[in-house]
């Protein structure tokens, strides 16, 4: 394949993507009775492929959850000071806003 054709193919890959090029080649092959043996046959068609649609994220990038506002929850560490039955105090992750708190268990 000549260098000019290789540049066209590289531009088509960057613009339309390989899946679109494969679809074009398969659709073209289906319409022909004889068998296409070389990719050079598709270069002209690939050069006319439209740009691929860019995938947009369905959700914005997730940042830390906002502080829950609970009076026992520290806004910096997102932990709560709790006291057990014996009067022993300990810090536990805030279940509402700490990103590392367990949110439930799979069944």
N, C-alpha and C. Protein backbone atom coordinates (compact mmCIF):
# COMPACT_ATOMS: atom_id res chain seq x y z
N UNK A 1 0.86 -1.17 0.00
CA UNK A 1 0.00 0.00 0.00
C UNK A 1 0.91 1.23 0.00
N UNK A 2 0.64 2.19 -0.84
CA UNK A 2 1.48 3.38 -0.91
C UNK A 2 1.37 4.21 0.38
N UNK A 3 2.41 4.99 0.69
CA UNK A 3 2.39 5.82 1.90
C UNK A 3 1.20 6.77 1.96
N UNK A 4 0.77 7.29 0.83
CA UNK A 4 -0.37 8.20 0.83
C UNK A 4 -1.63 7.48 1.32
N UNK A 5 -1.80 6.23 0.89
CA UNK A 5 -2.96 5.46 1.34
C UNK A 5 -2.86 5.14 2.84
N UNK A 6 -1.66 4.88 3.30
CA UNK A 6 -1.48 4.62 4.73
C UNK A 6 -1.86 5.85 5.56
N UNK A 7 -1.53 7.03 5.06
CA UNK A 7 -1.91 8.25 5.77
C UNK A 7 -3.43 8.41 5.78
N UNK A 8 -4.08 8.06 4.68
CA UNK A 8 -5.54 8.13 4.62
C UNK A 8 -6.16 7.17 5.62
N UNK A 9 -5.62 5.96 5.69
CA UNK A 9 -6.13 4.96 6.63
C UNK A 9 -5.91 5.43 8.07
N UNK A 10 -4.74 5.96 8.37
CA UNK A 10 -4.47 6.45 9.73
C UNK A 10 -5.41 7.59 10.10
N UNK A 11 -5.69 8.47 9.15
CA UNK A 11 -6.62 9.57 9.42
C UNK A 11 -8.03 9.04 9.65
N UNK A 12 -8.42 8.01 8.89
CA UNK A 12 -9.75 7.42 9.06
C UNK A 12 -9.88 6.74 10.42
N UNK A 13 -8.81 6.08 10.86
CA UNK A 13 -8.83 5.44 12.17
C UNK A 13 -9.01 6.50 13.25
N UNK A 14 -8.27 7.59 13.14
CA UNK A 14 -8.36 8.65 14.15
C UNK A 14 -9.72 9.34 14.12
N UNK A 15 -10.27 9.53 12.93
CA UNK A 15 -11.52 10.28 12.80
C UNK A 15 -12.75 9.41 13.06
N UNK A 16 -12.84 8.27 12.40
CA UNK A 16 -14.07 7.47 12.45
C UNK A 16 -13.96 6.28 13.39
N UNK A 17 -12.75 5.77 13.60
CA UNK A 17 -12.57 4.62 14.48
C UNK A 17 -12.61 3.31 13.71
N UNK A 18 -11.95 2.33 14.27
CA UNK A 18 -11.85 1.02 13.62
C UNK A 18 -13.22 0.34 13.49
N UNK A 19 -14.10 0.39 14.50
CA UNK A 19 -15.40 -0.28 14.33
C UNK A 19 -16.18 0.23 13.11
N UNK A 20 -16.15 1.53 12.86
CA UNK A 20 -16.86 2.08 11.70
C UNK A 20 -16.22 1.61 10.40
N UNK A 21 -14.90 1.50 10.41
CA UNK A 21 -14.21 1.03 9.20
C UNK A 21 -14.53 -0.43 8.92
N UNK A 22 -14.61 -1.23 9.97
CA UNK A 22 -14.95 -2.64 9.79
C UNK A 22 -16.38 -2.78 9.28
N UNK A 23 -17.30 -2.00 9.87
CA UNK A 23 -18.70 -2.04 9.39
C UNK A 23 -18.78 -1.68 7.91
N UNK A 24 -18.05 -0.63 7.52
CA UNK A 24 -18.04 -0.22 6.12
C UNK A 24 -17.51 -1.35 5.23
N UNK A 25 -16.42 -1.97 5.64
CA UNK A 25 -15.83 -3.04 4.84
C UNK A 25 -16.77 -4.23 4.73
N UNK A 26 -17.41 -4.61 5.83
CA UNK A 26 -18.34 -5.75 5.78
C UNK A 26 -19.55 -5.44 4.92
N UNK A 27 -20.08 -4.23 5.05
CA UNK A 27 -21.23 -3.85 4.23
C UNK A 27 -20.87 -3.82 2.75
N UNK A 28 -19.68 -3.34 2.45
CA UNK A 28 -19.23 -3.30 1.06
C UNK A 28 -19.04 -4.71 0.52
N UNK A 29 -18.46 -5.58 1.31
CA UNK A 29 -18.24 -6.96 0.87
C UNK A 29 -19.56 -7.67 0.60
N UNK A 30 -20.57 -7.40 1.41
CA UNK A 30 -21.87 -8.06 1.23
C UNK A 30 -22.53 -7.68 -0.09
N UNK A 31 -22.24 -6.48 -0.59
CA UNK A 31 -22.88 -6.03 -1.82
C UNK A 31 -22.17 -6.52 -3.07
N UNK A 32 -21.02 -7.13 -2.92
CA UNK A 32 -20.25 -7.61 -4.07
C UNK A 32 -20.37 -9.12 -4.22
N UNK A 33 -20.30 -9.55 -5.46
CA UNK A 33 -20.34 -11.00 -5.72
C UNK A 33 -18.95 -11.61 -5.60
N UNK A 34 -17.93 -10.86 -6.03
CA UNK A 34 -16.57 -11.39 -5.94
C UNK A 34 -15.97 -11.06 -4.58
N UNK A 35 -14.91 -11.73 -4.26
CA UNK A 35 -14.28 -11.59 -2.96
C UNK A 35 -13.23 -10.48 -3.00
N UNK A 36 -13.26 -9.59 -2.01
CA UNK A 36 -12.26 -8.52 -1.92
C UNK A 36 -11.08 -9.06 -1.14
N UNK A 37 -9.89 -8.97 -1.72
CA UNK A 37 -8.71 -9.56 -1.10
C UNK A 37 -7.80 -8.55 -0.43
N UNK A 38 -7.91 -7.28 -0.77
CA UNK A 38 -6.97 -6.29 -0.26
C UNK A 38 -7.70 -5.11 0.36
N UNK A 39 -7.14 -4.59 1.44
CA UNK A 39 -7.74 -3.44 2.11
C UNK A 39 -7.67 -2.19 1.25
N UNK A 40 -6.77 -2.16 0.29
CA UNK A 40 -6.64 -1.00 -0.59
C UNK A 40 -7.97 -0.68 -1.27
N UNK A 41 -8.80 -1.69 -1.47
CA UNK A 41 -10.10 -1.48 -2.10
C UNK A 41 -10.98 -0.53 -1.27
N UNK A 42 -10.82 -0.52 0.04
CA UNK A 42 -11.69 0.26 0.92
C UNK A 42 -11.18 1.67 1.21
N UNK A 43 -9.97 2.00 0.80
CA UNK A 43 -9.35 3.27 1.20
C UNK A 43 -10.22 4.46 0.80
N UNK A 44 -10.72 4.48 -0.40
CA UNK A 44 -11.54 5.61 -0.84
C UNK A 44 -12.79 5.75 0.03
N UNK A 45 -13.45 4.66 0.33
CA UNK A 45 -14.64 4.71 1.18
C UNK A 45 -14.32 5.10 2.61
N UNK A 46 -13.22 4.59 3.13
CA UNK A 46 -12.83 4.94 4.49
C UNK A 46 -12.52 6.43 4.62
N UNK A 47 -12.00 7.03 3.55
CA UNK A 47 -11.66 8.45 3.62
C UNK A 47 -12.91 9.31 3.75
N UNK A 48 -14.07 8.78 3.36
CA UNK A 48 -15.30 9.55 3.44
C UNK A 48 -16.16 9.24 4.65
N UNK A 49 -15.67 8.42 5.56
CA UNK A 49 -16.47 8.09 6.75
C UNK A 49 -16.63 9.32 7.64
N UNK A 50 -17.82 9.49 8.23
CA UNK A 50 -18.03 10.64 9.12
C UNK A 50 -17.30 10.43 10.45
N UNK A 51 -17.05 11.51 11.17
CA UNK A 51 -16.39 11.38 12.48
C UNK A 51 -17.26 10.56 13.44
N UNK A 52 -16.59 9.81 14.27
CA UNK A 52 -17.29 9.00 15.28
C UNK A 52 -17.87 9.93 16.33
N UNK A 53 -19.01 9.55 16.86
CA UNK A 53 -19.62 10.32 17.95
C UNK A 53 -18.77 10.12 19.19
N UNK A 54 -18.46 11.19 19.83
CA UNK A 54 -17.66 11.12 21.06
C UNK A 54 -18.55 10.68 22.21
N UNK A 55 -18.07 9.74 22.97
CA UNK A 55 -18.82 9.28 24.13
C UNK A 55 -18.74 10.35 25.22
N UNK A 56 -19.89 10.72 25.73
CA UNK A 56 -19.92 11.69 26.81
C UNK A 56 -20.22 10.95 28.10
N UNK A 57 -19.57 11.32 29.17
CA UNK A 57 -19.84 10.63 30.42
C UNK A 57 -21.28 10.86 30.86
N UNK A 58 -21.92 9.81 31.31
CA UNK A 58 -23.32 9.92 31.72
C UNK A 58 -23.44 10.64 33.06
N UNK A 59 -22.39 10.59 33.84
CA UNK A 59 -22.40 11.26 35.13
C UNK A 59 -21.14 12.10 35.25
N UNK A 60 -21.23 13.23 35.92
CA UNK A 60 -20.01 14.00 36.13
C UNK A 60 -19.04 13.23 37.01
N UNK A 61 -17.79 13.62 36.95
CA UNK A 61 -16.78 12.96 37.77
C UNK A 61 -17.18 13.05 39.24
N UNK A 62 -17.13 11.92 39.89
CA UNK A 62 -17.56 11.87 41.28
C UNK A 62 -16.47 12.41 42.19
N UNK A 63 -16.80 13.39 42.95
CA UNK A 63 -15.89 13.92 43.96
C UNK A 63 -16.31 13.38 45.31
N UNK A 64 -15.72 13.87 46.35
CA UNK A 64 -16.14 13.39 47.66
C UNK A 64 -17.58 13.82 47.94
N UNK A 65 -18.26 12.97 48.67
CA UNK A 65 -19.65 13.29 49.03
C UNK A 65 -19.65 14.51 49.94
N UNK A 66 -20.66 15.33 49.85
CA UNK A 66 -20.71 16.49 50.75
C UNK A 66 -20.86 16.03 52.20
N UNK A 67 -20.41 16.88 53.10
CA UNK A 67 -20.51 16.57 54.52
C UNK A 67 -21.97 16.42 54.90
N UNK A 68 -22.26 15.42 55.71
CA UNK A 68 -23.65 15.11 56.05
C UNK A 68 -24.26 16.14 57.01
N UNK A 69 -23.44 16.85 57.74
CA UNK A 69 -23.95 17.86 58.67
C UNK A 69 -24.34 17.31 60.03
N UNK A 70 -24.15 16.03 60.25
CA UNK A 70 -24.48 15.43 61.55
C UNK A 70 -23.60 16.08 62.62
N UNK A 71 -24.15 16.41 63.78
CA UNK A 71 -23.35 17.12 64.79
C UNK A 71 -22.17 16.30 65.32
N UNK A 72 -22.23 14.99 65.27
CA UNK A 72 -21.12 14.17 65.76
C UNK A 72 -20.09 13.85 64.67
N UNK A 73 -20.36 14.25 63.44
CA UNK A 73 -19.47 13.92 62.32
C UNK A 73 -18.47 15.05 62.12
N UNK A 74 -17.19 14.69 62.12
CA UNK A 74 -16.13 15.66 61.87
C UNK A 74 -16.08 15.93 60.37
N UNK A 75 -16.17 17.20 59.93
CA UNK A 75 -16.21 17.49 58.50
C UNK A 75 -14.90 17.19 57.77
N UNK A 76 -13.79 17.13 58.47
CA UNK A 76 -12.50 16.86 57.83
C UNK A 76 -12.26 15.36 57.70
N UNK A 77 -12.38 14.63 58.80
CA UNK A 77 -12.07 13.20 58.78
C UNK A 77 -13.28 12.34 58.43
N UNK A 78 -14.47 12.93 58.48
CA UNK A 78 -15.72 12.20 58.22
C UNK A 78 -15.87 11.00 59.15
N UNK A 79 -15.51 11.20 60.40
CA UNK A 79 -15.66 10.15 61.41
C UNK A 79 -16.54 10.67 62.54
N UNK A 80 -17.15 9.74 63.24
CA UNK A 80 -17.99 10.07 64.40
C UNK A 80 -17.39 9.42 65.64
N UNK A 81 -17.46 10.16 66.73
CA UNK A 81 -17.02 9.59 68.00
C UNK A 81 -18.22 8.88 68.61
N UNK A 82 -18.05 7.61 68.86
CA UNK A 82 -19.15 6.82 69.44
C UNK A 82 -18.70 6.23 70.77
N UNK A 83 -19.66 5.88 71.58
CA UNK A 83 -19.38 5.28 72.88
C UNK A 83 -20.16 3.98 72.98
N UNK A 84 -19.47 2.90 73.36
CA UNK A 84 -20.15 1.62 73.47
C UNK A 84 -20.78 1.44 74.85
N UNK A 85 -21.34 0.26 75.13
CA UNK A 85 -22.04 -0.01 76.39
C UNK A 85 -21.13 0.12 77.61
N UNK A 86 -19.85 -0.11 77.43
CA UNK A 86 -18.91 -0.05 78.56
C UNK A 86 -18.33 1.34 78.75
N UNK A 87 -18.75 2.30 77.93
CA UNK A 87 -18.26 3.66 78.05
C UNK A 87 -16.96 3.91 77.31
N UNK A 88 -16.57 2.99 76.46
CA UNK A 88 -15.33 3.15 75.70
C UNK A 88 -15.65 3.94 74.43
N UNK A 89 -14.90 5.02 74.25
CA UNK A 89 -15.11 5.86 73.08
C UNK A 89 -14.19 5.42 71.94
N UNK A 90 -14.72 5.53 70.75
CA UNK A 90 -13.91 5.21 69.57
C UNK A 90 -14.42 6.01 68.38
N UNK A 91 -13.56 6.13 67.39
CA UNK A 91 -13.95 6.81 66.16
C UNK A 91 -14.40 5.77 65.15
N UNK A 92 -15.51 6.05 64.52
CA UNK A 92 -16.00 5.17 63.45
C UNK A 92 -16.26 6.03 62.22
N UNK A 93 -16.17 5.41 61.10
CA UNK A 93 -16.45 6.13 59.86
C UNK A 93 -17.92 6.53 59.83
N UNK A 94 -18.15 7.75 59.37
CA UNK A 94 -19.53 8.21 59.26
C UNK A 94 -20.22 7.42 58.15
N UNK A 95 -21.30 6.74 58.45
CA UNK A 95 -21.97 5.94 57.42
C UNK A 95 -22.64 6.80 56.34
N UNK A 96 -22.86 8.07 56.64
CA UNK A 96 -23.56 8.92 55.68
C UNK A 96 -22.62 9.59 54.68
N UNK A 97 -21.40 9.98 55.11
CA UNK A 97 -20.58 10.76 54.19
C UNK A 97 -19.14 10.31 54.05
N UNK A 98 -18.68 9.32 54.80
CA UNK A 98 -17.31 8.85 54.64
C UNK A 98 -17.24 7.97 53.40
N UNK A 99 -16.34 8.29 52.45
CA UNK A 99 -16.29 7.50 51.21
C UNK A 99 -15.84 6.06 51.43
N UNK A 100 -15.21 5.76 52.55
CA UNK A 100 -14.75 4.40 52.80
C UNK A 100 -15.69 3.59 53.68
N UNK A 101 -16.81 4.18 54.07
CA UNK A 101 -17.77 3.46 54.91
C UNK A 101 -18.45 2.38 54.08
N UNK A 102 -18.68 1.24 54.68
CA UNK A 102 -19.37 0.17 53.97
C UNK A 102 -20.83 0.56 53.80
N UNK A 103 -21.31 0.43 52.58
CA UNK A 103 -22.67 0.84 52.25
C UNK A 103 -23.65 -0.31 52.24
N UNK A 104 -23.26 -1.45 52.60
CA UNK A 104 -24.15 -2.61 52.56
C UNK A 104 -23.37 -3.81 52.08
N UNK A 105 -23.99 -4.93 52.14
CA UNK A 105 -23.32 -6.16 51.77
C UNK A 105 -24.09 -6.84 50.66
N UNK A 106 -23.37 -7.48 49.78
CA UNK A 106 -24.01 -8.24 48.71
C UNK A 106 -24.58 -9.52 49.31
N UNK A 107 -25.69 -9.92 48.80
CA UNK A 107 -26.33 -11.13 49.32
C UNK A 107 -25.68 -12.36 48.75
